[in-house]
PDB file of N, CA and C in Angstrom:
ATOM      1  N   VAL A   1     231.287  92.817 -60.765  1.00  0.00           N
ATOM      2  CA  VAL A   1     231.565  93.920 -60.231  1.00  0.00           C
ATOM      3  C   VAL A   1     232.005  94.107 -58.939  1.00  0.00           C
ATOM      4  N   THR A   2     232.702  93.388 -58.182  1.00  0.00           N
ATOM      5  CA  THR A   2     232.969  93.447 -56.719  1.00  0.00           C
ATOM      6  C   THR A   2     232.899  94.598 -56.310  1.00  0.00           C
ATOM      7  N   VAL A   3     232.141  95.087 -55.152  1.00  0.00           N
ATOM      8  CA  VAL A   3     232.111  96.420 -54.845  1.00  0.00           C
ATOM      9  C   VAL A   3     232.575  96.491 -53.492  1.00  0.00           C
ATOM     10  N   GLY A   4     233.448  97.301 -53.222  1.00  0.00           N
ATOM     11  CA  GLY A   4     234.107  97.193 -51.376  1.00  0.00           C
ATOM     12  C   GLY A   4     235.168  95.817 -51.009  1.00  0.00           C
ATOM     13  N   GLY A   5     234.321  95.775 -49.730  1.00  0.00           N
ATOM     14  CA  GLY A   5     234.892  94.645 -48.654  1.00  0.00           C
ATOM     15  C   GLY A   5     235.959  95.547 -47.984  1.00  0.00           C
ATOM     16  N   THR A   6     236.130  95.107 -46.626  1.00  0.00           N
ATOM     17  CA  THR A   6     236.826  95.339 -44.912  1.00  0.00           C
ATOM     18  C   THR A   6     237.990  96.005 -45.564  1.00  0.00           C
ATOM     19  N   GLY A   7     238.160  97.544 -45.620  1.00  0.00           N
ATOM     20  CA  GLY A   7     238.575  98.523 -45.739  1.00  0.00           C
ATOM     21  C   GLY A   7     239.237  99.011 -46.937  1.00  0.00           C
ATOM     22  N   VAL A   8     238.223  98.541 -47.995  1.00  0.00           N
ATOM     23  CA  VAL A   8     238.556  99.061 -49.308  1.00  0.00           C
ATOM     24  C   VAL A   8     236.852  99.607 -49.536  1.00  0.00           C
ATOM     25  N   ILE A   9     237.454 100.265 -50.382  1.00  0.00           N
ATOM     26  CA  ILE A   9     236.835 101.529 -51.195  1.00  0.00           C
ATOM     27  C   ILE A   9     236.706 101.779 -52.961  1.00  0.00           C
ATOM     28  N   ALA A  10     236.856 100.680 -53.408  1.00  0.00           N
ATOM     29  CA  ALA A  10     237.076 100.249 -54.795  1.00  0.00           C
ATOM     30  C   ALA A  10     235.709  99.342 -55.247  1.00  0.00           C
ATOM     31  N   TYR A  11     235.803  99.123 -56.769  1.00  0.00           N
ATOM     32  CA  TYR A  11     235.102  98.383 -57.706  1.00  0.00           C
ATOM     33  C   TYR A  11     236.551  97.578 -58.102  1.00  0.00           C
ATOM     34  N   THR A  12     236.136  96.541 -58.307  1.00  0.00           N
ATOM     35  CA  THR A  12     236.977  95.177 -58.899  1.00  0.00           C
ATOM     36  C   THR A  12     236.521  95.122 -59.879  1.00  0.00           C
ATOM     37  N   PRO A  13     236.774  94.193 -61.117  1.00  0.00           N
ATOM     38  CA  PRO A  13     237.513  95.192 -61.967  1.00  0.00           C
ATOM     39  C   PRO A  13     237.121  96.614 -61.926  1.00  0.00           C
ATOM     40  N   ASN A  14     238.612  98.210 -61.812  1.00  0.00           N
ATOM     41  CA  ASN A  14     237.640  99.078 -62.245  1.00  0.00           C
ATOM     42  C   ASN A  14     237.154  99.948 -63.900  1.00  0.00           C
ATOM     43  N   PHE A  15     237.163  98.741 -64.606  1.00  0.00           N
ATOM     44  CA  PHE A  15     236.816  98.929 -65.921  1.00  0.00           C
ATOM     45  C   PHE A  15     236.074  97.980 -66.431  1.00  0.00           C
ATOM     46  N   VAL A  16     234.800  98.302 -67.008  1.00  0.00           N
ATOM     47  CA  VAL A  16     234.331  97.059 -67.620  1.00  0.00           C
ATOM     48  C   VAL A  16     233.758  97.424 -69.248  1.00  0.00           C
ATOM     49  N   GLN A  17     234.643  96.432 -69.799  1.00  0.00           N
ATOM     50  CA  GLN A  17     233.630  97.490 -71.462  1.00  0.00           C
ATOM     51  C   GLN A  17     232.499  96.432 -71.573  1.00  0.00           C
ATOM     52  N   ALA A  18     232.055  96.772 -71.771  1.00  0.00           N
ATOM     53  CA  ALA A  18     229.988  96.352 -71.860  1.00  0.00           C
ATOM     54  C   ALA A  18     229.551  96.761 -73.127  1.00  0.00           C
ATOM     55  N   ASN A  19     229.027  95.682 -73.813  1.00  0.00           N
ATOM     56  CA  ASN A  19     228.480  96.060 -75.143  1.00  0.00           C
ATOM     57  C   ASN A  19     226.962  96.354 -75.001  1.00  0.00           C
ATOM     58  N   VAL A  20     226.372  96.193 -75.461  1.00  0.00           N
ATOM     59  CA  VAL A  20     224.369  96.819 -75.380  1.00  0.00           C
ATOM     60  C   VAL A  20     224.364  95.177 -75.732  1.00  0.00           C
ATOM     61  N   GLY A  21     222.882  94.663 -74.071  1.00  0.00           N
ATOM     62  CA  GLY A  21     222.279  93.492 -74.727  1.00  0.00           C
ATOM     63  C   GLY A  21     223.717  93.014 -73.501  1.00  0.00           C
ATOM     64  N   ASP A  22     224.952  93.697 -72.982  1.00  0.00           N
ATOM     65  CA  ASP A  22     225.450  92.526 -71.845  1.00  0.00           C
ATOM     66  C   ASP A  22     225.388  93.060 -70.657  1.00  0.00           C
ATOM     67  N   VAL A  23     225.397  92.351 -69.666  1.00  0.00           N
ATOM     68  CA  VAL A  23     224.883  92.222 -68.167  1.00  0.00           C
ATOM     69  C   VAL A  23     226.128  92.723 -67.539  1.00  0.00           C
ATOM     70  N   VAL A  24     226.105  93.149 -66.591  1.00  0.00           N
ATOM     71  CA  VAL A  24     226.826  93.368 -65.274  1.00  0.00           C
ATOM     72  C   VAL A  24     227.009  93.524 -64.140  1.00  0.00           C
ATOM     73  N   GLN A  25     227.276  92.336 -63.449  1.00  0.00           N
ATOM     74  CA  GLN A  25     226.515  92.627 -61.647  1.00  0.00           C
ATOM     75  C   GLN A  25     227.433  92.649 -61.369  1.00  0.00           C
ATOM     76  N   PHE A  26     227.074  93.925 -60.106  1.00  0.00           N
ATOM     77  CA  PHE A  26     227.924  94.427 -59.331  1.00  0.00           C
ATOM     78  C   PHE A  26     226.913  93.018 -57.488  1.00  0.00           C
ATOM     79  N   ILE A  27     228.309  93.595 -57.470  1.00  0.00           N
ATOM     80  CA  ILE A  27     228.303  92.336 -55.685  1.00  0.00           C
ATOM     81  C   ILE A  27     229.377  93.196 -55.157  1.00  0.00           C
ATOM     82  N   PHE A  28     227.945  93.930 -54.106  1.00  0.00           N
ATOM     83  CA  PHE A  28     228.065  94.572 -52.352  1.00  0.00           C
ATOM     84  C   PHE A  28     228.909  93.604 -51.655  1.00  0.00           C
ATOM     85  N   GLN A  29     230.181  94.357 -51.132  1.00  0.00           N
ATOM     86  CA  GLN A  29     230.964  93.230 -49.941  1.00  0.00           C
ATOM     87  C   GLN A  29     230.176  93.231 -48.665  1.00  0.00           C
ATOM     88  N   GLN A  30     230.307  95.321 -48.212  1.00  0.00           N
ATOM     89  CA  GLN A  30     230.039  95.472 -47.435  1.00  0.00           C
ATOM     90  C   GLN A  30     228.681  97.243 -47.415  1.00  0.00           C
ATOM     91  N   LYS A  31     227.997  96.831 -46.691  1.00  0.00           N
ATOM     92  CA  LYS A  31     226.960  98.130 -45.968  1.00  0.00           C
ATOM     93  C   LYS A  31     226.181  98.449 -47.450  1.00  0.00           C
ATOM     94  N   ASN A  32     225.135  99.284 -47.794  1.00  0.00           N
ATOM     95  CA  ASN A  32     224.304  99.797 -48.627  1.00  0.00           C
ATOM     96  C   ASN A  32     225.047 100.145 -49.567  1.00  0.00           C
ATOM     97  N   HIS A  33     225.199 100.074 -51.045  1.00  0.00           N
ATOM     98  CA  HIS A  33     224.789 101.307 -52.067  1.00  0.00           C
ATOM     99  C   HIS A  33     224.395 101.242 -52.813  1.00  0.00           C
ATOM    100  N   THR A  34     224.970 102.300 -53.945  1.00  0.00           N
ATOM    101  CA  THR A  34     223.645 102.098 -55.280  1.00  0.00           C
ATOM    102  C   THR A  34     224.833 102.280 -56.964  1.00  0.00           C
ATOM    103  N   ILE A  35     224.535 102.220 -57.667  1.00  0.00           N
ATOM    104  CA  ILE A  35     224.887 101.902 -58.955  1.00  0.00           C
ATOM    105  C   ILE A  35     224.332 103.289 -59.507  1.00  0.00           C
ATOM    106  N   THR A  36     224.905 104.339 -59.130  1.00  0.00           N
ATOM    107  CA  THR A  36     224.817 105.633 -59.998  1.00  0.00           C
ATOM    108  C   THR A  36     225.566 106.571 -61.180  1.00  0.00           C
ATOM    109  N   GLN A  37     225.168 106.906 -62.350  1.00  0.00           N
ATOM    110  CA  GLN A  37     225.901 107.437 -63.490  1.00  0.00           C
ATOM    111  C   GLN A  37     225.571 108.956 -62.751  1.00  0.00           C
ATOM    112  N   SER A  38     226.892 109.189 -62.652  1.00  0.00           N
ATOM    113  CA  SER A  38     226.861 110.845 -62.748  1.00  0.00           C
ATOM    114  C   SER A  38     228.006 111.297 -63.537  1.00  0.00           C
ATOM    115  N   THR A  39     228.344 112.785 -63.154  1.00  0.00           N
ATOM    116  CA  THR A  39     229.702 113.431 -64.441  1.00  0.00           C
ATOM    117  C   THR A  39     230.636 113.398 -63.607  1.00  0.00           C
ATOM    118  N   LEU A  40     232.309 113.641 -64.533  1.00  0.00           N
ATOM    119  CA  LEU A  40     233.417 113.704 -63.296  1.00  0.00           C
ATOM    120  C   LEU A  40     233.259 115.435 -62.859  1.00  0.00           C
ATOM    121  N   ALA A  41     232.101 116.554 -64.129  1.00  0.00           N
ATOM    122  CA  ALA A  41     232.238 117.355 -63.159  1.00  0.00           C
ATOM    123  C   ALA A  41     231.203 117.728 -61.788  1.00  0.00           C
ATOM    124  N   SER A  42     230.025 116.964 -62.004  1.00  0.00           N
ATOM    125  CA  SER A  42     229.805 116.684 -60.344  1.00  0.00           C
ATOM    126  C   SER A  42     229.127 115.010 -59.692  1.00  0.00           C
ATOM    127  N   PRO A  43     230.857 114.660 -59.334  1.00  0.00           N
ATOM    128  CA  PRO A  43     230.190 112.833 -59.635  1.00  0.00           C
ATOM    129  C   PRO A  43     229.514 112.447 -58.224  1.00  0.00           C
ATOM    130  N   CYS A  44     228.969 113.547 -57.255  1.00  0.00           N
ATOM    131  CA  CYS A  44     228.089 112.730 -56.239  1.00  0.00           C
ATOM    132  C   CYS A  44     226.268 113.242 -55.816  1.00  0.00           C
ATOM    133  N   SER A  45     226.520 114.302 -57.607  1.00  0.00           N
ATOM    134  CA  SER A  45     224.828 113.914 -58.104  1.00  0.00           C
ATOM    135  C   SER A  45     224.201 112.965 -59.144  1.00  0.00           C
ATOM    136  N   PRO A  46     223.348 112.251 -58.803  1.00  0.00           N
ATOM    137  CA  PRO A  46     222.435 111.273 -60.278  1.00  0.00           C
ATOM    138  C   PRO A  46     222.997 112.426 -61.613  1.00  0.00           C
ATOM    139  N   LYS A  47     223.195 111.871 -62.685  1.00  0.00           N
ATOM    140  CA  LYS A  47     223.341 112.799 -63.992  1.00  0.00           C
ATOM    141  C   LYS A  47     221.929 112.936 -64.618  1.00  0.00           C
ATOM    142  N   PRO A  48     221.085 113.707 -65.099  1.00  0.00           N
ATOM    143  CA  PRO A  48     219.218 113.734 -65.007  1.00  0.00           C
ATOM    144  C   PRO A  48     219.442 113.137 -65.772  1.00  0.00           C
ATOM    145  N   ASP A  49     220.125 113.178 -66.720  1.00  0.00           N
ATOM    146  CA  ASP A  49     218.930 111.126 -68.169  1.00  0.00           C
ATOM    147  C   ASP A  49     219.970 109.878 -67.610  1.00  0.00           C
ATOM    148  N   GLY A  50     221.160 109.780 -66.543  1.00  0.00           N
ATOM    149  CA  GLY A  50     221.922 108.896 -66.411  1.00  0.00           C
ATOM    150  C   GLY A  50     220.548 107.398 -65.566  1.00  0.00           C
ATOM    151  N   PHE A  51     221.550 106.622 -65.210  1.00  0.00           N
ATOM    152  CA  PHE A  51     220.291 105.545 -64.149  1.00  0.00           C
ATOM    153  C   PHE A  51     221.253 105.697 -62.678  1.00  0.00           C
ATOM    154  N   ASP A  52     220.188 105.269 -61.924  1.00  0.00           N
ATOM    155  CA  ASP A  52     219.975 105.221 -60.398  1.00  0.00           C
ATOM    156  C   ASP A  52     219.818 104.249 -59.758  1.00  0.00           C
ATOM    157  N   SER A  53     220.428 102.834 -59.237  1.00  0.00           N
ATOM    158  CA  SER A  53     219.606 102.136 -58.360  1.00  0.00           C
ATOM    159  C   SER A  53     218.608 102.117 -57.087  1.00  0.00           C
ATOM    160  N   GLY A  54     219.528 103.301 -56.795  1.00  0.00           N
ATOM    161  CA  GLY A  54     218.474 103.380 -55.958  1.00  0.00           C
ATOM    162  C   GLY A  54     219.624 102.503 -55.029  1.00  0.00           C
ATOM    163  N   PHE A  55     219.250 102.825 -53.434  1.00  0.00           N
ATOM    164  CA  PHE A  55     220.142 101.616 -52.434  1.00  0.00           C
ATOM    165  C   PHE A  55     219.634 100.330 -52.350  1.00  0.00           C
ATOM    166  N   LEU A  56     221.174  99.581 -52.513  1.00  0.00           N
ATOM    167  CA  LEU A  56     220.800  97.854 -52.805  1.00  0.00           C
ATOM    168  C   LEU A  56     221.527  97.421 -51.449  1.00  0.00           C
ATOM    169  N   ARG A  57     220.970  96.400 -50.694  1.00  0.00           N
ATOM    170  CA  ARG A  57     221.877  96.339 -49.639  1.00  0.00           C
ATOM    171  C   ARG A  57     222.747  95.293 -49.997  1.00  0.00           C
ATOM    172  N   ALA A  58     223.173  94.745 -49.002  1.00  0.00           N
ATOM    173  CA  ALA A  58     224.992  94.068 -49.067  1.00  0.00           C
ATOM    174  C   ALA A  58     224.527  92.885 -49.329  1.00  0.00           C
ATOM    175  N   GLY A  59     225.420  92.064 -49.907  1.00  0.00           N
ATOM    176  CA  GLY A  59     225.316  91.323 -50.199  1.00  0.00           C
ATOM    177  C   GLY A  59     224.144  90.575 -51.258  1.00  0.00           C
ATOM    178  N   SER A  60     223.934  91.385 -52.025  1.00  0.00           N
ATOM    179  CA  SER A  60     222.681  91.466 -53.460  1.00  0.00           C
ATOM    180  C   SER A  60     223.149  91.934 -54.620  1.00  0.00           C
TER     181      SER A  60
END
């Protein structure tokens, strides 16, 4: 999954159907990012029982 890019705030593709055991790789194009599970009701707050990668550097 490519994250961001020049002037782009998006994930490409914007949907991934992953099965248990699958690996989903995120490639950050610019700036630092996180992969954080949240809810639609509170999209800027980590879900208490979800996942949060912490900040990852661009290019990682």
